[in-house]
Amino acid sequence: MTTTRAMGGSWVAVPTPMHADGSVNYDGFAPLIDFHAENGTDAILLEGSAGEVAMLEPQERRQIIDRTAAYARDKLPAFYGVSCTTTRATLELTKYAEDQGAAGVILTVPMYSMPTQTAILDFLVTVATSTTLPVGIYNNPTRVHRNIDPATVAALHREAPNFVVDKEAAPSAAQLVDVLEQTNHEISVMACDNPGYGLFATAVAMGDGMANITGNLHPREMAYLSRGENAAADLGHWTRRFVDLLPLMRACYSLPNPVAVKAGLELLGFVVGPTRLPLQPMHGAKRDALSDLLDRYGLREAYGLRSAVASGA
């Protein structure tokens, strides 16, 4: 079966706001959702690596869906990471997200299991065909120690008509091209914005955009850079803006995700709080350098956030 490619642009993986004591600050999601809805982000991703999903309790994951799916519904699509360590738990969380009105779900290879490609496909098909929601996959072999091979992605495309988007964080532009070829570009293929992977230009020129974390701090610029029509209209201008944003992208990946992003959002005036152990907040010289970088890009002024910083909001 085939599906229609209809998704792209800038999909931003947002962090999970926390209180100072480490509990989830559910009210902190609304300002983040509004910020993205107002500044060109095409969709948001919740409960992924940027959302500290490995450190969230099962009831917290459900409560996040409760508090954000309805709020985001008329603003922009919200996709939720639903993979758990067991298939049963993944199926249950997928059903829960569907019942609460999520826009879609994202699947990763479950951590620690290190399955074969056949087992990966069976897992993905089992979950994807259990729901009517649009389903995406997030291929991140660095974190789960298993690549989702292009042939597996193509097989999932044939088996699950609601499989609509593949986010590639495998550090190989060749893999991204192979997925495009083997699926006849009938699904949306996006890439991670980690500049060390070198996927940005390929994903924008041949794919459908970027699933990114840099858009947490500069959503308008990531929205511009993530759209292929902008590169096609004036490649020289697009290239200059891409190169200019590289220092911010590198800063976002300078520590394990989402340490730097949370620090940047706090510096911009958003209340997202600390990371949970074993992650530790950015501090000292690294935080000072990030603050200077935000000043270089004029982000507080560009987004009207200086007053929020001053008031401590």
Protein backbone atom coordinates (compact mmCIF):
# COMPACT_ATOMS: atom_id res chain seq x y z
CA MET A 1 0.00 0.00 0.00
CA THR A 2 1.08 3.59 -0.51
CA THR A 3 0.50 6.82 1.29
CA THR A 4 0.63 10.40 0.13
CA ARG A 5 3.59 12.59 1.01
CA ALA A 6 2.07 15.62 2.68
CA MET A 7 4.28 16.65 5.59
CA GLY A 8 7.42 18.70 5.76
CA GLY A 9 9.09 21.91 6.82
CA SER A 10 10.37 22.43 10.34
CA TRP A 11 9.34 19.92 12.99
CA VAL A 12 10.72 21.00 16.34
CA ALA A 13 11.38 18.52 19.15
CA VAL A 14 10.45 20.44 22.29
CA PRO A 15 11.73 19.80 25.82
CA THR A 16 9.63 18.79 28.79
CA PRO A 17 9.38 21.73 31.22
CA MET A 18 10.32 20.88 34.79
CA HIS A 19 9.92 22.55 38.15
CA ALA A 20 13.00 23.20 40.25
CA ASP A 21 12.33 19.98 42.19
CA GLY A 22 12.38 17.93 38.97
CA SER A 23 8.63 17.37 38.67
CA VAL A 24 6.98 18.01 35.31
CA ASN A 25 5.72 21.56 34.82
CA TYR A 26 2.68 20.78 32.70
CA ASP A 27 1.70 24.46 32.49
CA GLY A 28 5.06 25.19 30.87
CA PHE A 29 4.06 23.55 27.60
CA ALA A 30 1.49 26.19 26.60
CA PRO A 31 4.00 29.06 26.10
CA LEU A 32 6.23 26.77 24.05
CA ILE A 33 3.35 25.62 21.84
CA ASP A 34 2.25 29.23 21.33
CA PHE A 35 5.81 30.29 20.49
CA HIS A 36 6.04 27.71 17.71
CA ALA A 37 2.54 28.28 16.39
CA GLU A 38 3.27 32.01 16.08
CA ASN A 39 6.71 31.66 14.45
CA GLY A 40 6.38 29.28 11.54
CA THR A 41 7.06 25.84 13.02
CA ASP A 42 5.15 23.23 11.02
CA ALA A 43 4.78 20.61 13.77
CA ILE A 44 6.12 19.82 17.21
CA LEU A 45 7.51 16.57 18.54
CA LEU A 46 6.95 15.73 22.21
CA GLU A 47 8.26 12.95 24.41
CA GLY A 48 11.34 12.28 22.34
CA SER A 49 15.00 12.58 23.31
CA ALA A 50 14.56 16.36 23.59
CA GLY A 51 11.67 15.68 25.97
CA GLU A 52 13.84 13.52 28.26
CA VAL A 53 11.52 10.62 27.50
CA ALA A 54 13.87 8.05 29.05
CA MET A 55 13.51 9.87 32.38
CA LEU A 56 9.71 10.19 32.32
CA GLU A 57 7.40 7.93 34.30
CA PRO A 58 4.56 6.21 32.36
CA GLN A 59 1.90 8.31 34.09
CA GLU A 60 3.83 11.48 33.26
CA ARG A 61 3.88 10.55 29.57
CA ARG A 62 0.10 10.15 29.62
CA GLN A 63 -0.41 13.38 31.51
CA ILE A 64 1.72 15.28 29.00
CA ILE A 65 -0.51 13.97 26.21
CA ASP A 66 -3.59 14.97 28.23
CA ARG A 67 -2.34 18.51 28.77
CA THR A 68 -0.97 19.24 25.30
CA ALA A 69 -2.92 17.38 22.60
CA ALA A 70 -6.11 19.41 22.95
CA TYR A 71 -4.23 22.67 23.47
CA ALA A 72 -2.12 22.21 20.34
CA ARG A 73 -4.93 20.89 18.13
CA ASP A 74 -6.01 24.20 16.58
CA LYS A 75 -2.50 25.64 16.57
CA LEU A 76 -0.17 23.08 14.94
CA PRO A 77 0.22 19.28 14.75
CA ALA A 78 1.68 17.58 17.84
CA PHE A 79 3.31 14.18 17.35
CA TYR A 80 4.25 12.07 20.38
CA GLY A 81 7.03 9.58 20.91
CA VAL A 82 5.29 6.41 22.08
CA SER A 83 7.96 3.71 22.00
CA CYS A 84 8.41 1.91 25.32
CA THR A 85 10.66 -0.95 26.33
CA THR A 86 7.87 -3.45 25.59
CA THR A 87 5.58 -3.76 22.59
CA ARG A 88 2.52 -4.07 24.83
CA ALA A 89 3.28 -0.79 26.59
CA THR A 90 3.92 0.86 23.22
CA LEU A 91 0.56 -0.31 21.92
CA GLU A 92 -1.18 0.96 25.05
CA LEU A 93 0.45 4.39 24.84
CA THR A 94 -0.33 4.62 21.12
CA LYS A 95 -3.99 3.88 21.86
CA TYR A 96 -3.94 6.47 24.63
CA ALA A 97 -2.51 9.12 22.30
CA GLU A 98 -5.17 8.34 19.71
CA ASP A 99 -7.96 8.56 22.28
CA GLN A 100 -6.69 11.94 23.47
CA GLY A 101 -6.65 13.43 19.98
CA ALA A 102 -2.94 13.46 19.18
CA ALA A 103 -2.05 14.47 15.63
CA GLY A 104 0.23 11.47 15.27
CA VAL A 105 2.82 9.24 16.91
CA ILE A 106 6.52 8.60 16.41
CA LEU A 107 8.19 5.21 16.85
CA THR A 108 11.81 4.43 17.63
CA VAL A 109 13.52 1.10 18.07
CA PRO A 110 12.96 0.26 21.76
CA MET A 111 16.04 0.92 23.85
CA TYR A 112 18.26 -1.94 25.02
CA SER A 113 16.62 -4.58 22.78
CA MET A 114 18.96 -4.31 19.77
CA PRO A 115 16.65 -6.35 17.48
CA THR A 116 17.27 -7.67 13.97
CA GLN A 117 15.81 -5.88 10.96
CA THR A 118 13.04 -8.48 10.75
CA ALA A 119 12.15 -7.88 14.39
CA ILE A 120 12.29 -4.11 13.92
CA LEU A 121 9.87 -4.37 11.01
CA ASP A 122 7.52 -6.63 12.96
CA PHE A 123 7.50 -4.16 15.86
CA LEU A 124 6.86 -1.15 13.63
CA VAL A 125 4.13 -2.85 11.62
CA THR A 126 2.43 -4.19 14.76
CA VAL A 127 2.18 -0.73 16.29
CA ALA A 128 1.47 1.22 13.09
CA THR A 129 -1.40 -1.03 12.06
CA SER A 130 -2.94 -0.84 15.54
CA THR A 131 -3.90 2.81 15.09
CA THR A 132 -5.60 5.12 12.63
CA LEU A 133 -3.21 7.93 13.55
CA PRO A 134 -0.47 9.07 11.17
CA VAL A 135 2.72 7.25 12.20
CA GLY A 136 6.32 8.34 11.85
CA ILE A 137 9.59 6.66 12.67
CA TYR A 138 12.68 8.21 14.19
CA ASN A 139 15.82 6.41 13.09
CA ASN A 140 18.48 7.25 15.69
CA PRO A 141 21.07 4.46 15.78
CA THR A 142 23.41 6.48 17.99
CA ARG A 143 20.93 6.18 20.86
CA VAL A 144 19.44 2.72 20.32
CA HIS A 145 22.40 0.96 18.65
CA ARG A 146 20.33 -0.26 15.74
CA ASN A 147 19.85 1.36 12.35
CA ILE A 148 16.50 1.07 10.60
CA ASP A 149 17.74 0.07 7.16
CA PRO A 150 16.20 1.67 4.05
CA ALA A 151 14.78 -1.71 3.00
CA THR A 152 12.99 -1.92 6.37
CA VAL A 153 11.57 1.56 5.91
CA ALA A 154 10.37 0.60 2.44
CA ALA A 155 8.75 -2.57 3.77
CA LEU A 156 6.94 -0.59 6.46
CA HIS A 157 5.75 1.77 3.74
CA ARG A 158 4.22 -1.18 1.90
CA GLU A 159 2.61 -2.69 5.01
CA ALA A 160 1.24 0.36 6.83
CA PRO A 161 -0.69 2.98 4.80
CA ASN A 162 -0.68 5.38 7.77
CA PHE A 163 3.14 5.45 7.88
CA VAL A 164 3.78 8.98 6.68
CA VAL A 165 7.15 10.32 7.81
CA ASP A 166 10.69 9.08 8.41
CA LYS A 167 13.05 11.20 10.49
CA GLU A 168 16.60 10.18 9.73
CA ALA A 169 19.28 10.78 12.35
CA ALA A 170 21.65 8.19 10.93
CA PRO A 171 24.80 10.15 10.02
CA SER A 172 24.64 9.18 6.35
CA ALA A 173 23.27 11.23 3.50
CA ALA A 174 23.42 8.07 1.41
CA GLN A 175 20.86 6.41 3.68
CA LEU A 176 18.51 9.35 3.33
CA VAL A 177 18.78 9.12 -0.46
CA ASP A 178 18.24 5.34 -0.36
CA VAL A 179 15.05 5.80 1.65
CA LEU A 180 13.78 8.35 -0.85
CA GLU A 181 14.51 5.96 -3.72
CA GLN A 182 13.10 2.82 -2.13
CA THR A 183 9.86 4.50 -1.06
CA ASN A 184 9.48 6.40 -4.36
CA HIS A 185 9.36 9.50 -2.17
CA GLU A 186 5.79 8.60 -1.25
CA ILE A 187 6.48 9.33 2.42
CA SER A 188 7.95 12.47 3.92
CA VAL A 189 11.65 12.07 4.63
CA MET A 190 13.19 14.49 7.09
CA ALA A 191 16.55 14.70 8.81
CA CYS A 192 18.10 15.72 12.08
CA ASP A 193 19.75 19.16 12.21
CA ASN A 194 22.90 17.98 14.00
CA PRO A 195 25.55 19.70 11.87
CA GLY A 196 27.97 16.86 12.59
CA TYR A 197 25.77 14.55 10.52
CA GLY A 198 25.87 16.77 7.44
CA LEU A 199 22.30 15.93 6.43
CA PHE A 200 20.78 19.40 6.21
CA ALA A 201 21.35 20.29 2.57
CA THR A 202 20.40 16.79 1.33
CA ALA A 203 17.19 16.75 3.35
CA VAL A 204 16.11 20.16 2.11
CA ALA A 205 17.14 19.65 -1.52
CA MET A 206 15.79 16.11 -1.92
CA GLY A 207 13.61 15.45 1.11
CA ASP A 208 10.94 17.32 2.96
CA GLY A 209 12.64 19.29 5.70
CA MET A 210 14.15 19.04 9.14
CA ALA A 211 13.08 17.53 12.43
CA ASN A 212 15.21 19.69 14.65
CA ILE A 213 16.06 21.13 18.06
CA THR A 214 17.61 24.44 16.92
CA GLY A 215 14.10 25.66 16.15
CA ASN A 216 13.46 25.79 19.88
CA LEU A 217 15.63 28.90 19.99
CA HIS A 218 15.19 30.34 16.48
CA PRO A 219 11.97 28.89 15.01
CA ARG A 220 11.57 31.42 12.19
CA GLU A 221 15.02 30.77 10.79
CA MET A 222 14.65 27.01 11.01
CA ALA A 223 11.26 27.31 9.31
CA TYR A 224 12.89 29.24 6.44
CA LEU A 225 15.85 26.89 6.10
CA SER A 226 13.75 23.72 6.29
CA ARG A 227 11.70 24.46 3.17
CA GLY A 228 13.11 23.37 -0.14
CA GLU A 229 11.29 26.05 -2.10
CA ASN A 230 13.37 28.71 -0.32
CA ALA A 231 16.62 27.03 -1.35
CA ALA A 232 15.32 26.63 -4.90
CA ALA A 233 14.30 30.28 -5.14
CA ASP A 234 17.72 31.67 -4.20
CA LEU A 235 20.33 29.05 -3.33
CA GLY A 236 23.03 31.61 -2.60
CA HIS A 237 20.87 33.47 -0.09
CA TRP A 238 19.70 30.20 1.49
CA THR A 239 23.31 28.99 1.80
CA ARG A 240 24.47 32.18 3.49
CA ARG A 241 21.68 31.94 6.05
CA PHE A 242 22.41 28.25 6.65
CA VAL A 243 26.10 28.91 7.24
CA ASP A 244 25.26 31.81 9.54
CA LEU A 245 23.09 29.55 11.70
CA LEU A 246 25.72 26.83 12.10
CA PRO A 247 27.17 28.20 15.38
CA LEU A 248 23.71 28.05 16.99
CA MET A 249 23.14 24.52 15.69
CA ARG A 250 26.50 23.42 17.07
CA ALA A 251 25.69 25.01 20.42
CA CYS A 252 22.40 23.09 20.61
CA TYR A 253 24.33 19.83 20.21
CA SER A 254 27.29 20.78 22.41
CA LEU A 255 25.91 18.71 25.30
CA PRO A 256 23.51 15.76 25.39
CA ASN A 257 20.07 16.76 24.17
CA PRO A 258 18.24 18.75 25.60
CA VAL A 259 20.73 20.29 28.03
CA ALA A 260 21.76 23.21 25.81
CA VAL A 261 18.24 23.79 24.46
CA LYS A 262 16.81 24.05 27.96
CA ALA A 263 19.53 26.49 28.95
CA GLY A 264 18.85 28.58 25.85
CA LEU A 265 15.12 28.69 26.46
CA GLU A 266 15.67 29.76 30.05
CA LEU A 267 18.00 32.52 28.83
CA LEU A 268 15.26 33.63 26.44
CA GLY A 269 12.78 33.89 29.29
CA PHE A 270 10.87 30.61 29.06
CA VAL A 271 10.34 28.60 32.22
CA VAL A 272 11.52 25.10 31.31
CA GLY A 273 13.55 24.34 34.41
CA PRO A 274 16.40 21.88 34.89
CA THR A 275 17.10 18.53 33.29
CA ARG A 276 16.63 15.32 35.25
CA LEU A 277 19.51 13.20 36.41
CA PRO A 278 21.57 11.67 34.95
CA LEU A 279 21.53 14.81 32.77
CA GLN A 280 22.81 17.96 34.43
CA PRO A 281 22.07 21.59 33.52
CA MET A 282 24.47 23.72 31.53
CA HIS A 283 26.37 26.12 33.72
CA GLY A 284 29.48 28.28 33.95
CA ALA A 285 31.47 29.22 30.86
CA LYS A 286 29.33 27.12 28.51
CA ARG A 287 26.14 28.86 29.62
CA ASP A 288 27.82 32.27 29.36
CA ALA A 289 28.95 31.45 25.82
CA LEU A 290 25.43 30.38 24.87
CA SER A 291 24.03 33.63 26.26
CA ASP A 292 26.54 35.59 24.18
CA LEU A 293 25.50 33.61 21.11
CA LEU A 294 21.83 34.41 21.68
CA ASP A 295 22.84 38.07 21.87
CA ARG A 296 24.78 37.75 18.60
CA TYR A 297 21.65 36.53 16.84
CA GLY A 298 19.50 39.13 18.58
CA LEU A 299 16.95 36.47 19.52
CA ARG A 300 15.47 38.21 22.55
CA GLU A 301 14.72 41.29 20.49
CA ALA A 302 13.63 39.36 17.40
CA TYR A 303 10.97 37.48 19.33
CA GLY A 304 10.04 40.21 21.79
CA LEU A 305 11.35 38.22 24.73
CA ARG A 306 13.51 40.77 26.51
CA SER A 307 10.63 41.88 28.76
CA ALA A 308 9.95 38.25 29.66
CA VAL A 309 13.57 37.85 30.78
CA ALA A 310 13.45 41.04 32.80
CA SER A 311 10.27 40.04 34.58
CA GLY A 312 11.44 36.49 35.24
CA ALA A 313 8.39 35.09 33.42
